[in-house]
Amino acid sequence: MRQGGVVIGSVQHLAEEDRAVLTVEIISAEALKTSEIEGEILDRESLQSSIRRQFGLVTDHRRVSPAEQGIAELMVDLYRSYDARLSDAQLFRWHDLLTWGRRDIKDIGQYRTHPEPMQIVSGPVHAPKVHFEAPPSSQVPDQMAGPGGVRPMSALARAGIAHLYFESIHPFEDGNGRIGRAISEKALAQGLGQPSLTALSVMIEQRKKDYYKALEFAHRENEVTKWLMWFAATVLEAQQLTQRWIDFLIAKTKLFDSLRGKINARQEKALLRMMREGPDGFKGGLSAGKYTSITGAPPATARRDLAELVALGALTRTGERRGTRYWLMIISA
């Protein structure tokens, strides 16, 4: 968890506005990716609008779907109540948020009660492959109560084992993956003593096949060592990704300080739009045509504006003619 401490220390160097930007960005990225892992594609702008509204920040008041509103509220509740003891009531509230508006689920906001086996399967209907079968519904309350008297362990081991144990029980009809990953984030935050800014689901989504393989192996073999090794490596990379975001925001602040009074409103708008894409920036870079779309500037003005930004050290240029692209210096550095 040493890297987590480094991340927390770096956050202290951010201005209040940038800390708010980072918090909204990380929470929305986690909400987006934890849903994407389960095959549910949500809109980032809508998620961020909902999250900003819950934090009392300026928002565009756009319409937000129930799925986006539900996962946004869950993630904000996780962030705010990280130090509260995990309870059935909190888990039921999270499940209620995730299944808001659903008509295909019987047990909403409570543990499953159906008599049918809870199985994870793949393949055709006539020849399904059962990857895992959870305990019967009748055993879920006792299983969720836990064994009691568990010896203290590191935050990383606690987060990994809690996630594995929860997924093994699979206590809800749906939403187990998203809630299980939230539990891991909660355990990590408690280990750090404050809300953690860990892009855990972002990293898991990038290696989704390995994630499910690691879980399946642990379920099948009843052995946690390989799972914990995989989980620990993923958490470390997630913390490094978060550190990149923090470094990016610090560099962004320094860049705008150096440009104060030297750029026009069009140039500022374009830079801010590029920075919304985060450390990786625009895929393929910024073209003169894209600059025109963002600012409304005529082509000749766009080329002049971009040349000035290069001269000021805000952008770097690659390519020639139609292949010319511009990149944020704070990204390419």
Protein backbone atom coordinates (compact mmCIF):
# COMPACT_ATOMS: atom_id res chain seq x y z
CA MET A 1 0.00 0.00 0.00
CA ARG A 2 3.06 2.27 -0.11
CA GLN A 3 2.10 3.45 -3.61
CA GLY A 4 -1.32 4.44 -2.24
CA GLY A 5 0.39 6.70 0.26
CA VAL A 6 2.36 8.33 -2.55
CA VAL A 7 -0.90 9.00 -4.42
CA ILE A 8 -2.46 10.61 -1.35
CA GLY A 9 0.61 12.78 -0.85
CA SER A 10 0.49 13.94 -4.45
CA VAL A 11 -3.19 14.91 -4.19
CA GLN A 12 -2.30 17.41 -1.47
CA HIS A 13 -0.38 19.43 -4.08
CA LEU A 14 -3.51 19.95 -6.19
CA ALA A 15 -5.66 23.06 -5.99
CA GLU A 16 -9.15 22.49 -4.57
CA GLU A 17 -10.72 22.77 -8.03
CA ASP A 18 -8.31 20.21 -9.47
CA ARG A 19 -8.93 17.83 -6.56
CA ALA A 20 -12.63 18.03 -7.39
CA VAL A 21 -11.89 17.37 -11.07
CA LEU A 22 -9.74 14.36 -10.16
CA THR A 23 -12.37 12.96 -7.79
CA VAL A 24 -15.14 13.25 -10.39
CA GLU A 25 -12.90 11.81 -13.12
CA ILE A 26 -11.77 8.78 -11.13
CA ILE A 27 -15.25 8.03 -9.77
CA SER A 28 -16.84 8.35 -13.21
CA ALA A 29 -14.12 6.22 -14.83
CA GLU A 30 -14.65 3.53 -12.20
CA ALA A 31 -18.44 3.68 -12.66
CA LEU A 32 -18.05 3.48 -16.43
CA LYS A 33 -15.57 0.59 -16.43
CA THR A 34 -17.12 -1.51 -13.65
CA SER A 35 -20.34 -1.43 -15.73
CA GLU A 36 -18.46 -2.13 -18.97
CA ILE A 37 -16.94 -5.26 -17.41
CA GLU A 38 -20.49 -6.57 -17.12
CA GLY A 39 -21.31 -5.59 -20.73
CA GLU A 40 -23.25 -2.42 -19.85
CA ILE A 41 -22.09 0.62 -21.84
CA LEU A 42 -22.89 3.96 -20.19
CA ASP A 43 -22.32 7.60 -21.16
CA ARG A 44 -19.37 9.28 -19.44
CA GLU A 45 -20.79 12.80 -19.69
CA SER A 46 -24.04 11.71 -18.06
CA LEU A 47 -22.17 9.89 -15.28
CA GLN A 48 -20.02 12.93 -14.58
CA SER A 49 -23.08 15.20 -14.56
CA SER A 50 -24.74 12.99 -11.94
CA ILE A 51 -21.57 12.75 -9.82
CA ARG A 52 -20.95 16.50 -9.95
CA ARG A 53 -24.55 17.15 -8.89
CA GLN A 54 -24.15 14.89 -5.84
CA PHE A 55 -21.00 16.76 -4.81
CA GLY A 56 -22.75 20.13 -5.21
CA LEU A 57 -20.58 21.13 -8.19
CA VAL A 58 -21.63 23.02 -11.29
CA THR A 59 -23.38 20.71 -13.77
CA ASP A 60 -25.23 20.95 -17.08
CA HIS A 61 -28.42 19.37 -15.63
CA ARG A 62 -28.63 16.84 -18.43
CA ARG A 63 -31.02 13.88 -18.28
CA VAL A 64 -29.41 10.80 -16.77
CA SER A 65 -30.64 7.24 -17.28
CA PRO A 66 -31.55 5.09 -14.25
CA ALA A 67 -28.52 2.84 -14.87
CA GLU A 68 -26.16 5.82 -14.94
CA GLN A 69 -27.79 7.46 -11.93
CA GLY A 70 -27.69 4.21 -9.94
CA ILE A 71 -24.01 3.38 -10.43
CA ALA A 72 -23.07 7.05 -9.93
CA GLU A 73 -24.88 7.16 -6.57
CA LEU A 74 -23.31 3.85 -5.52
CA MET A 75 -19.79 5.10 -6.27
CA VAL A 76 -20.33 8.42 -4.48
CA ASP A 77 -21.75 6.58 -1.45
CA LEU A 78 -18.68 4.30 -1.51
CA TYR A 79 -16.41 7.35 -1.59
CA ARG A 80 -18.19 9.18 1.22
CA SER A 81 -18.76 6.22 3.55
CA TYR A 82 -15.47 4.38 2.98
CA ASP A 83 -14.74 4.21 6.74
CA ALA A 84 -18.16 2.89 7.79
CA ARG A 85 -18.39 -0.79 8.66
CA LEU A 86 -19.80 -2.77 5.73
CA SER A 87 -23.33 -3.92 6.54
CA ASP A 88 -26.23 -5.76 4.96
CA ALA A 89 -28.06 -2.44 4.85
CA GLN A 90 -25.34 -0.79 2.75
CA LEU A 91 -25.12 -3.77 0.41
CA PHE A 92 -28.92 -3.77 -0.01
CA ARG A 93 -28.85 -0.03 -0.74
CA TRP A 94 -26.15 -0.52 -3.38
CA HIS A 95 -28.12 -3.34 -4.97
CA ASP A 96 -31.25 -1.22 -5.00
CA LEU A 97 -29.33 1.55 -6.79
CA LEU A 98 -27.89 -0.85 -9.38
CA THR A 99 -31.28 -2.40 -10.18
CA TRP A 100 -33.25 0.86 -10.17
CA GLY A 101 -36.07 0.55 -12.72
CA ARG A 102 -35.40 -3.14 -13.47
CA ARG A 103 -38.45 -5.37 -14.03
CA ASP A 104 -36.61 -8.65 -14.67
CA ILE A 105 -35.34 -9.17 -11.11
CA LYS A 106 -37.45 -10.51 -8.26
CA ASP A 107 -35.16 -9.85 -5.29
CA ILE A 108 -34.21 -6.18 -5.40
CA GLY A 109 -32.40 -4.69 -2.41
CA GLN A 110 -32.12 -8.08 -0.72
CA TYR A 111 -30.22 -11.32 -1.04
CA ARG A 112 -31.43 -13.82 -3.61
CA THR A 113 -34.13 -16.29 -2.56
CA HIS A 114 -34.74 -18.32 -5.74
CA PRO A 115 -34.41 -22.12 -5.39
CA GLU A 116 -32.57 -22.56 -8.72
CA PRO A 117 -28.78 -22.92 -8.61
CA MET A 118 -26.81 -19.66 -9.04
CA GLN A 119 -24.40 -20.58 -11.82
CA ILE A 120 -21.93 -18.75 -14.05
CA VAL A 121 -22.22 -20.38 -17.46
CA SER A 122 -21.11 -19.85 -21.03
CA GLY A 123 -21.58 -21.57 -24.36
CA PRO A 124 -24.74 -22.66 -26.23
CA VAL A 125 -27.98 -23.36 -24.40
CA HIS A 126 -27.95 -27.03 -25.40
CA ALA A 127 -24.40 -27.55 -24.08
CA PRO A 128 -23.58 -24.90 -21.46
CA LYS A 129 -20.26 -24.84 -19.65
CA VAL A 130 -20.65 -24.25 -15.91
CA HIS A 131 -17.70 -22.20 -14.68
CA PHE A 132 -18.92 -21.86 -11.12
CA GLU A 133 -21.89 -22.67 -8.89
CA ALA A 134 -22.53 -20.53 -5.81
CA PRO A 135 -24.00 -21.79 -2.52
CA PRO A 136 -27.80 -22.27 -2.47
CA SER A 137 -29.89 -19.18 -1.70
CA SER A 138 -30.88 -20.65 1.67
CA GLN A 139 -27.22 -20.49 2.80
CA VAL A 140 -26.53 -16.91 1.65
CA PRO A 141 -27.42 -15.06 4.91
CA ASP A 142 -25.15 -17.30 6.99
CA GLN A 143 -22.37 -17.15 4.42
CA MET A 144 -22.56 -13.34 4.29
CA ALA A 145 -22.37 -13.14 8.08
CA GLY A 146 -18.81 -14.46 7.79
CA PRO A 147 -16.86 -16.80 10.03
CA GLY A 148 -16.06 -14.19 12.70
CA GLY A 149 -12.82 -13.93 14.64
CA VAL A 150 -10.71 -13.45 11.50
CA ARG A 151 -7.12 -12.45 12.27
CA PRO A 152 -5.89 -9.02 11.10
CA MET A 153 -4.35 -8.86 7.63
CA SER A 154 -2.93 -6.27 5.26
CA ALA A 155 -5.33 -3.98 3.42
CA LEU A 156 -4.31 -5.48 0.09
CA ALA A 157 -4.94 -9.06 1.20
CA ARG A 158 -8.17 -8.00 2.91
CA ALA A 159 -9.43 -6.29 -0.26
CA GLY A 160 -8.53 -9.24 -2.48
CA ILE A 161 -10.00 -11.90 -0.18
CA ALA A 162 -13.17 -9.87 0.44
CA HIS A 163 -13.75 -9.61 -3.30
CA LEU A 164 -13.13 -13.31 -3.88
CA TYR A 165 -15.31 -14.36 -0.93
CA PHE A 166 -18.17 -12.11 -2.05
CA GLU A 167 -18.00 -13.38 -5.64
CA SER A 168 -17.94 -16.97 -4.35
CA ILE A 169 -21.18 -16.42 -2.43
CA HIS A 170 -22.75 -14.41 -5.30
CA PRO A 171 -25.50 -13.23 -2.94
CA PHE A 172 -27.60 -11.17 -5.36
CA GLU A 173 -29.56 -12.04 -8.48
CA ASP A 174 -27.51 -9.51 -10.43
CA GLY A 175 -24.89 -6.84 -9.77
CA ASN A 176 -22.47 -9.08 -7.85
CA GLY A 177 -19.42 -8.08 -9.88
CA ARG A 178 -19.96 -4.35 -9.51
CA ILE A 179 -20.69 -4.61 -5.80
CA GLY A 180 -17.74 -6.97 -5.27
CA ARG A 181 -15.35 -4.48 -6.86
CA ALA A 182 -16.84 -1.69 -4.73
CA ILE A 183 -16.11 -3.79 -1.63
CA SER A 184 -12.46 -4.07 -2.73
CA GLU A 185 -12.24 -0.30 -3.14
CA LYS A 186 -13.76 0.16 0.32
CA ALA A 187 -11.21 -2.17 1.91
CA LEU A 188 -8.33 -0.40 0.14
CA ALA A 189 -9.60 3.00 1.28
CA GLN A 190 -9.91 1.81 4.87
CA GLY A 191 -6.32 0.61 4.70
CA LEU A 192 -5.19 4.08 3.64
CA GLY A 193 -7.38 5.85 6.20
CA GLN A 194 -9.17 8.04 3.64
CA PRO A 195 -11.07 7.68 0.34
CA SER A 196 -8.74 5.96 -2.11
CA LEU A 197 -8.44 7.19 -5.66
CA THR A 198 -7.67 3.83 -7.25
CA ALA A 199 -8.59 3.09 -10.85
CA LEU A 200 -9.18 -0.58 -10.01
CA SER A 201 -12.07 -1.25 -12.40
CA VAL A 202 -10.28 0.63 -15.16
CA MET A 203 -7.38 -1.81 -14.91
CA ILE A 204 -9.62 -4.88 -14.50
CA GLU A 205 -11.57 -3.95 -17.63
CA GLN A 206 -8.31 -3.85 -19.59
CA ARG A 207 -7.54 -7.42 -18.54
CA LYS A 208 -11.06 -8.78 -18.18
CA LYS A 209 -10.29 -12.28 -19.49
CA ASP A 210 -7.44 -12.70 -17.01
CA TYR A 211 -9.71 -11.39 -14.23
CA TYR A 212 -12.34 -14.04 -14.86
CA LYS A 213 -9.71 -16.76 -15.27
CA ALA A 214 -8.12 -15.84 -11.94
CA LEU A 215 -11.49 -15.88 -10.19
CA GLU A 216 -12.49 -19.18 -11.79
CA PHE A 217 -9.21 -20.83 -10.79
CA ALA A 218 -9.59 -19.65 -7.19
CA HIS A 219 -13.19 -20.90 -7.07
CA ARG A 220 -12.23 -24.29 -8.54
CA GLU A 221 -9.07 -24.93 -6.57
CA ASN A 222 -10.14 -23.30 -3.29
CA GLU A 223 -6.69 -21.66 -3.15
CA VAL A 224 -6.19 -17.89 -2.95
CA THR A 225 -2.44 -17.33 -3.48
CA LYS A 226 -2.51 -16.96 -7.27
CA TRP A 227 -5.62 -14.78 -7.06
CA LEU A 228 -3.99 -12.48 -4.51
CA MET A 229 -0.84 -12.19 -6.62
CA TRP A 230 -2.93 -11.21 -9.64
CA PHE A 231 -5.07 -8.84 -7.59
CA ALA A 232 -2.06 -7.14 -5.96
CA ALA A 233 -0.35 -6.54 -9.32
CA THR A 234 -3.57 -5.04 -10.70
CA VAL A 235 -4.02 -2.72 -7.70
CA LEU A 236 -0.43 -1.51 -8.09
CA GLU A 237 -0.97 -0.67 -11.76
CA ALA A 238 -4.27 1.03 -10.89
CA GLN A 239 -2.49 3.24 -8.36
CA GLN A 240 0.16 4.08 -10.94
CA LEU A 241 -2.57 5.08 -13.40
CA THR A 242 -4.11 7.33 -10.75
CA GLN A 243 -0.68 8.88 -10.15
CA ARG A 244 -0.51 9.67 -13.88
CA TRP A 245 -3.81 11.55 -13.56
CA ILE A 246 -2.50 13.55 -10.61
CA ASP A 247 0.75 14.39 -12.41
CA PHE A 248 -1.29 15.43 -15.43
CA LEU A 249 -3.48 17.80 -13.41
CA ILE A 250 -0.47 19.37 -11.69
CA ALA A 251 1.19 19.88 -15.09
CA LYS A 252 -2.05 21.31 -16.50
CA THR A 253 -2.18 23.93 -13.74
CA LYS A 254 1.44 24.91 -14.37
CA LEU A 255 0.82 25.14 -18.11
CA PHE A 256 -2.16 27.49 -17.74
CA ASP A 257 -0.20 29.61 -15.27
CA SER A 258 2.52 30.04 -17.88
CA LEU A 259 -0.03 30.92 -20.59
CA ARG A 260 -2.01 33.45 -18.56
CA GLY A 261 -2.57 36.59 -20.69
CA LYS A 262 -0.89 35.04 -23.75
CA ILE A 263 -3.72 33.06 -25.36
CA ASN A 264 -7.17 33.98 -26.68
CA ALA A 265 -10.54 32.48 -25.72
CA ARG A 266 -10.50 30.09 -28.70
CA GLN A 267 -7.12 28.69 -27.76
CA GLU A 268 -8.12 28.27 -24.13
CA LYS A 269 -11.31 26.45 -25.15
CA ALA A 270 -9.38 24.05 -27.39
CA LEU A 271 -6.77 23.31 -24.71
CA LEU A 272 -9.43 22.65 -22.10
CA ARG A 273 -11.25 20.32 -24.49
CA MET A 274 -8.04 18.38 -25.15
CA MET A 275 -7.35 18.11 -21.43
CA ARG A 276 -10.76 16.61 -20.79
CA GLU A 277 -9.42 13.47 -22.50
CA GLY A 278 -6.91 13.04 -19.68
CA PRO A 279 -3.26 11.93 -19.83
CA ASP A 280 -3.71 10.02 -23.10
CA GLY A 281 -5.23 13.03 -24.90
CA PHE A 282 -7.09 12.90 -28.20
CA LYS A 283 -6.67 9.62 -30.02
CA GLY A 284 -4.75 10.50 -33.15
CA GLY A 285 -3.97 14.03 -31.99
CA LEU A 286 -5.64 17.39 -32.70
CA SER A 287 -6.04 18.39 -36.35
CA ALA A 288 -6.74 21.88 -37.69
CA GLY A 289 -10.19 20.63 -38.71
CA LYS A 290 -10.94 19.40 -35.21
CA TYR A 291 -9.75 22.73 -33.80
CA THR A 292 -12.24 24.48 -36.12
CA SER A 293 -15.03 22.15 -34.90
CA ILE A 294 -14.22 22.92 -31.26
CA THR A 295 -13.80 26.69 -31.59
CA GLY A 296 -15.73 27.70 -34.71
CA ALA A 297 -12.62 29.45 -36.06
CA PRO A 298 -12.15 29.71 -39.85
CA PRO A 299 -9.37 27.46 -41.25
CA ALA A 300 -6.83 30.28 -41.61
CA THR A 301 -7.46 31.45 -38.04
CA ALA A 302 -7.26 27.87 -36.76
CA ARG A 303 -3.84 27.38 -38.35
CA ARG A 304 -2.60 30.68 -36.91
CA ASP A 305 -3.94 29.86 -33.43
CA LEU A 306 -2.31 26.44 -33.50
CA ALA A 307 1.04 27.84 -34.65
CA GLU A 308 0.96 30.30 -31.73
CA LEU A 309 0.25 27.48 -29.25
CA VAL A 310 3.24 25.57 -30.63
CA ALA A 311 5.44 28.67 -30.29
CA LEU A 312 4.25 29.12 -26.69
CA GLY A 313 5.17 25.56 -25.83
CA ALA A 314 1.57 24.45 -25.14
CA LEU A 315 1.43 22.09 -28.11
CA THR A 316 3.90 20.10 -30.17
CA ARG A 317 3.40 19.42 -33.86
CA THR A 318 3.93 16.23 -35.87
CA GLY A 319 3.35 15.39 -39.53
CA GLU A 320 2.85 17.58 -42.60
CA ARG A 321 -0.07 18.91 -44.68
CA ARG A 322 -3.23 16.88 -44.04
CA GLY A 323 -1.33 14.63 -41.68
CA THR A 324 -0.40 17.47 -39.35
CA ARG A 325 -1.40 16.77 -35.75
CA TYR A 326 -0.96 18.66 -32.49
CA TRP A 327 -0.33 17.18 -29.05
CA LEU A 328 -0.33 18.59 -25.55
CA MET A 329 3.22 19.09 -24.35
CA ILE A 330 2.28 17.89 -20.87
CA ILE A 331 1.24 14.57 -22.38
CA SER A 332 4.16 14.03 -24.71
CA ALA A 333 6.73 15.09 -22.10
